[in-house]
Amino acid sequence: MWMILGILTVVVTILNIYAYQAGKNYQIFMVFALLLTSLTICDQYQMIASWSKAGDWSAISDVTPSMSIILWIFVIGSFIVNVIPMLLSDYHNK
């Protein structure tokens, strides 16, 4: 599920940038992209929690270190890319 949410996040982020460049209302795409980013993180956490509950420590020790770095990059990148149009529009309006 987290892969579907992650892909949807990227698609909505692209729509956000496209809507900004087209001069349309981009804020709704920004909100949905950040919401999908949050849902991706929550789903990832739920997956790790279910492995912990099942006692699958080898899966946790195998996946968690690399996914932690990937998720940090994903969240920071998603936030920056989705907020840039808002910052640019504020800059152009001054």
N, C-alpha and C. Protein backbone atom coordinates (compact mmCIF):
# COMPACT_ATOMS: atom_id res chain seq x y z
N MET A 1 0.82 -1.20 0.00
CA MET A 1 0.00 0.00 0.00
C MET A 1 0.86 1.26 0.00
N TRP A 2 1.98 1.21 0.73
CA TRP A 2 2.80 2.41 0.83
C TRP A 2 3.39 2.78 -0.53
N MET A 3 3.61 1.79 -1.40
CA MET A 3 4.13 2.11 -2.74
C MET A 3 3.07 2.85 -3.56
N ILE A 4 1.82 2.42 -3.44
CA ILE A 4 0.73 3.10 -4.15
C ILE A 4 0.61 4.54 -3.66
N LEU A 5 0.65 4.72 -2.34
CA LEU A 5 0.56 6.07 -1.78
C LEU A 5 1.76 6.92 -2.21
N GLY A 6 2.94 6.32 -2.23
CA GLY A 6 4.13 7.05 -2.67
C GLY A 6 4.04 7.47 -4.13
N ILE A 7 3.56 6.58 -4.98
CA ILE A 7 3.40 6.92 -6.40
C ILE A 7 2.35 8.01 -6.57
N LEU A 8 1.24 7.89 -5.84
CA LEU A 8 0.21 8.94 -5.89
C LEU A 8 0.77 10.28 -5.43
N THR A 9 1.64 10.26 -4.43
CA THR A 9 2.27 11.50 -3.96
C THR A 9 3.07 12.15 -5.08
N VAL A 10 3.84 11.37 -5.80
CA VAL A 10 4.64 11.91 -6.90
C VAL A 10 3.73 12.46 -8.00
N VAL A 11 2.67 11.73 -8.34
CA VAL A 11 1.74 12.19 -9.38
C VAL A 11 1.08 13.50 -8.99
N VAL A 12 0.60 13.59 -7.76
CA VAL A 12 -0.07 14.81 -7.31
C VAL A 12 0.93 15.97 -7.21
N THR A 13 2.17 15.68 -6.85
CA THR A 13 3.21 16.72 -6.82
C THR A 13 3.46 17.26 -8.22
N ILE A 14 3.50 16.38 -9.21
CA ILE A 14 3.67 16.83 -10.60
C ILE A 14 2.48 17.69 -11.02
N LEU A 15 1.27 17.28 -10.62
CA LEU A 15 0.08 18.09 -10.92
C LEU A 15 0.17 19.45 -10.23
N ASN A 16 0.72 19.48 -9.03
CA ASN A 16 0.91 20.74 -8.30
C ASN A 16 1.80 21.69 -9.09
N ILE A 17 2.92 21.17 -9.57
CA ILE A 17 3.86 22.01 -10.33
C ILE A 17 3.22 22.45 -11.65
N TYR A 18 2.52 21.53 -12.31
CA TYR A 18 1.86 21.87 -13.57
C TYR A 18 0.79 22.95 -13.36
N ALA A 19 -0.03 22.80 -12.32
CA ALA A 19 -1.08 23.78 -12.04
C ALA A 19 -0.47 25.14 -11.72
N TYR A 20 0.64 25.16 -11.00
CA TYR A 20 1.31 26.43 -10.69
C TYR A 20 1.80 27.10 -11.97
N GLN A 21 2.45 26.32 -12.83
CA GLN A 21 2.98 26.88 -14.07
C GLN A 21 1.87 27.33 -15.02
N ALA A 22 0.72 26.67 -14.95
CA ALA A 22 -0.42 27.05 -15.80
C ALA A 22 -1.21 28.21 -15.22
N GLY A 23 -0.86 28.64 -14.02
CA GLY A 23 -1.55 29.76 -13.38
C GLY A 23 -2.89 29.37 -12.77
N LYS A 24 -3.08 28.09 -12.51
CA LYS A 24 -4.34 27.62 -11.94
C LYS A 24 -4.18 27.47 -10.42
N ASN A 25 -5.27 27.09 -9.77
CA ASN A 25 -5.24 26.90 -8.32
C ASN A 25 -4.45 25.63 -8.00
N TYR A 26 -3.26 25.80 -7.46
CA TYR A 26 -2.37 24.68 -7.18
C TYR A 26 -2.43 24.22 -5.73
N GLN A 27 -3.04 25.02 -4.86
CA GLN A 27 -3.01 24.72 -3.43
C GLN A 27 -3.67 23.38 -3.08
N ILE A 28 -4.73 23.00 -3.79
CA ILE A 28 -5.40 21.75 -3.49
C ILE A 28 -4.47 20.57 -3.77
N PHE A 29 -3.66 20.67 -4.83
CA PHE A 29 -2.70 19.61 -5.13
C PHE A 29 -1.60 19.56 -4.07
N MET A 30 -1.20 20.74 -3.60
CA MET A 30 -0.18 20.80 -2.56
C MET A 30 -0.68 20.11 -1.29
N VAL A 31 -1.91 20.40 -0.91
CA VAL A 31 -2.47 19.79 0.30
C VAL A 31 -2.58 18.28 0.14
N PHE A 32 -3.07 17.82 -1.02
CA PHE A 32 -3.20 16.38 -1.23
C PHE A 32 -1.84 15.69 -1.28
N ALA A 33 -0.86 16.33 -1.86
CA ALA A 33 0.48 15.72 -1.92
C ALA A 33 1.06 15.58 -0.52
N LEU A 34 0.90 16.61 0.31
CA LEU A 34 1.42 16.52 1.67
C LEU A 34 0.61 15.52 2.50
N LEU A 35 -0.70 15.42 2.26
CA LEU A 35 -1.52 14.41 2.93
C LEU A 35 -1.07 13.01 2.53
N LEU A 36 -0.85 12.79 1.24
CA LEU A 36 -0.41 11.48 0.79
C LEU A 36 0.98 11.13 1.32
N THR A 37 1.84 12.13 1.47
CA THR A 37 3.14 11.90 2.08
C THR A 37 2.97 11.40 3.51
N SER A 38 2.08 12.04 4.25
CA SER A 38 1.82 11.62 5.63
C SER A 38 1.24 10.22 5.69
N LEU A 39 0.32 9.91 4.80
CA LEU A 39 -0.28 8.57 4.78
C LEU A 39 0.75 7.50 4.41
N THR A 40 1.68 7.84 3.54
CA THR A 40 2.75 6.91 3.18
C THR A 40 3.60 6.58 4.40
N ILE A 41 3.95 7.60 5.17
CA ILE A 41 4.75 7.39 6.38
C ILE A 41 3.97 6.56 7.40
N CYS A 42 2.69 6.87 7.58
CA CYS A 42 1.86 6.10 8.52
C CYS A 42 1.75 4.64 8.11
N ASP A 43 1.59 4.38 6.82
CA ASP A 43 1.49 3.01 6.34
C ASP A 43 2.80 2.27 6.55
N GLN A 44 3.90 2.93 6.32
CA GLN A 44 5.22 2.33 6.56
C GLN A 44 5.37 1.98 8.03
N TYR A 45 4.96 2.87 8.91
CA TYR A 45 5.04 2.63 10.36
C TYR A 45 4.16 1.44 10.74
N GLN A 46 2.98 1.35 10.16
CA GLN A 46 2.08 0.24 10.45
C GLN A 46 2.69 -1.09 10.00
N MET A 47 3.36 -1.10 8.85
CA MET A 47 4.00 -2.31 8.37
C MET A 47 5.08 -2.78 9.34
N ILE A 48 5.90 -1.86 9.80
CA ILE A 48 6.96 -2.20 10.75
C ILE A 48 6.35 -2.68 12.07
N ALA A 49 5.26 -2.03 12.50
CA ALA A 49 4.60 -2.44 13.74
C ALA A 49 4.03 -3.86 13.62
N SER A 50 3.48 -4.19 12.47
CA SER A 50 2.94 -5.55 12.29
C SER A 50 4.07 -6.58 12.29
N TRP A 51 5.21 -6.25 11.72
CA TRP A 51 6.36 -7.15 11.78
C TRP A 51 6.83 -7.33 13.22
N SER A 52 6.82 -6.23 13.97
CA SER A 52 7.23 -6.30 15.37
C SER A 52 6.27 -7.18 16.16
N LYS A 53 4.99 -7.01 15.95
CA LYS A 53 3.98 -7.80 16.65
C LYS A 53 4.11 -9.28 16.31
N ALA A 54 4.47 -9.58 15.05
CA ALA A 54 4.63 -10.97 14.64
C ALA A 54 5.99 -11.55 15.05
N GLY A 55 6.86 -10.70 15.55
CA GLY A 55 8.19 -11.16 15.97
C GLY A 55 9.15 -11.39 14.81
N ASP A 56 8.91 -10.75 13.69
CA ASP A 56 9.76 -10.91 12.50
C ASP A 56 10.92 -9.91 12.57
N TRP A 57 11.84 -10.17 13.47
CA TRP A 57 12.93 -9.24 13.72
C TRP A 57 13.91 -9.17 12.56
N SER A 58 14.04 -10.25 11.80
CA SER A 58 14.96 -10.21 10.65
C SER A 58 14.45 -9.25 9.58
N ALA A 59 13.13 -9.21 9.37
CA ALA A 59 12.56 -8.25 8.40
C ALA A 59 12.77 -6.82 8.87
N ILE A 60 12.57 -6.61 10.16
CA ILE A 60 12.75 -5.25 10.71
C ILE A 60 14.21 -4.81 10.57
N SER A 61 15.13 -5.68 10.96
CA SER A 61 16.55 -5.31 10.90
C SER A 61 17.05 -5.19 9.47
N ASP A 62 16.39 -5.86 8.53
CA ASP A 62 16.79 -5.79 7.13
C ASP A 62 16.26 -4.54 6.45
N VAL A 63 15.01 -4.19 6.71
CA VAL A 63 14.32 -3.13 5.97
C VAL A 63 14.45 -1.76 6.63
N THR A 64 14.36 -1.71 7.93
CA THR A 64 14.25 -0.43 8.63
C THR A 64 15.42 0.53 8.39
N PRO A 65 16.68 0.10 8.46
CA PRO A 65 17.76 1.09 8.27
C PRO A 65 17.72 1.79 6.90
N SER A 66 17.52 1.03 5.84
CA SER A 66 17.51 1.67 4.52
C SER A 66 16.22 2.46 4.29
N MET A 67 15.09 1.96 4.76
CA MET A 67 13.82 2.68 4.58
C MET A 67 13.79 3.97 5.38
N SER A 68 14.45 3.98 6.50
CA SER A 68 14.50 5.20 7.30
C SER A 68 15.11 6.35 6.51
N ILE A 69 16.22 6.09 5.86
CA ILE A 69 16.89 7.12 5.06
C ILE A 69 16.02 7.51 3.87
N ILE A 70 15.46 6.52 3.20
CA ILE A 70 14.62 6.80 2.04
C ILE A 70 13.41 7.63 2.43
N LEU A 71 12.78 7.31 3.55
CA LEU A 71 11.60 8.06 3.98
C LEU A 71 11.95 9.49 4.38
N TRP A 72 13.09 9.71 5.01
CA TRP A 72 13.51 11.07 5.32
C TRP A 72 13.67 11.89 4.04
N ILE A 73 14.34 11.32 3.06
CA ILE A 73 14.53 12.02 1.79
C ILE A 73 13.18 12.27 1.11
N PHE A 74 12.30 11.27 1.13
CA PHE A 74 10.98 11.39 0.53
C PHE A 74 10.17 12.52 1.17
N VAL A 75 10.16 12.57 2.49
CA VAL A 75 9.37 13.60 3.20
C VAL A 75 9.95 14.99 2.97
N ILE A 76 11.24 15.14 3.12
CA ILE A 76 11.86 16.45 2.94
C ILE A 76 11.71 16.92 1.49
N GLY A 77 11.95 16.01 0.55
CA GLY A 77 11.80 16.35 -0.87
C GLY A 77 10.38 16.72 -1.23
N SER A 78 9.43 15.95 -0.73
CA SER A 78 8.02 16.23 -1.01
C SER A 78 7.61 17.59 -0.45
N PHE A 79 8.05 17.86 0.76
CA PHE A 79 7.71 19.15 1.38
C PHE A 79 8.30 20.31 0.58
N ILE A 80 9.56 20.21 0.24
CA ILE A 80 10.23 21.30 -0.49
C ILE A 80 9.58 21.52 -1.84
N VAL A 81 9.38 20.44 -2.61
CA VAL A 81 8.83 20.58 -3.96
C VAL A 81 7.41 21.11 -3.93
N ASN A 82 6.62 20.70 -2.94
CA ASN A 82 5.23 21.14 -2.88
C ASN A 82 5.06 22.54 -2.32
N VAL A 83 6.01 23.02 -1.55
CA VAL A 83 5.89 24.35 -0.96
C VAL A 83 6.53 25.42 -1.84
N ILE A 84 7.42 25.03 -2.75
CA ILE A 84 8.09 26.01 -3.62
C ILE A 84 7.09 26.89 -4.38
N PRO A 85 6.04 26.34 -5.02
CA PRO A 85 5.10 27.23 -5.72
C PRO A 85 4.45 28.26 -4.80
N MET A 86 4.16 27.88 -3.57
CA MET A 86 3.56 28.81 -2.63
C MET A 86 4.54 29.94 -2.31
N LEU A 87 5.79 29.58 -2.08
CA LEU A 87 6.80 30.59 -1.77
C LEU A 87 7.05 31.50 -2.98
N LEU A 88 7.09 30.92 -4.17
CA LEU A 88 7.29 31.72 -5.38
C LEU A 88 6.13 32.68 -5.63
N SER A 89 4.92 32.21 -5.39
CA SER A 89 3.77 33.11 -5.63
C SER A 89 3.76 34.24 -4.61
N ASP A 90 4.16 33.96 -3.37
CA ASP A 90 4.26 35.04 -2.38
C ASP A 90 5.34 36.02 -2.77
N TYR A 91 6.46 35.52 -3.31
CA TYR A 91 7.57 36.37 -3.72
C TYR A 91 7.15 37.25 -4.89
N HIS A 92 6.40 36.70 -5.85
CA HIS A 92 5.98 37.47 -7.02
C HIS A 92 4.89 38.48 -6.69
N ASN A 93 4.13 38.24 -5.65
CA ASN A 93 3.06 39.16 -5.28
C ASN A 93 3.56 40.38 -4.50
N LYS A 94 4.81 40.34 -4.05
CA LYS A 94 5.34 41.47 -3.28
C LYS A 94 5.92 42.52 -4.18
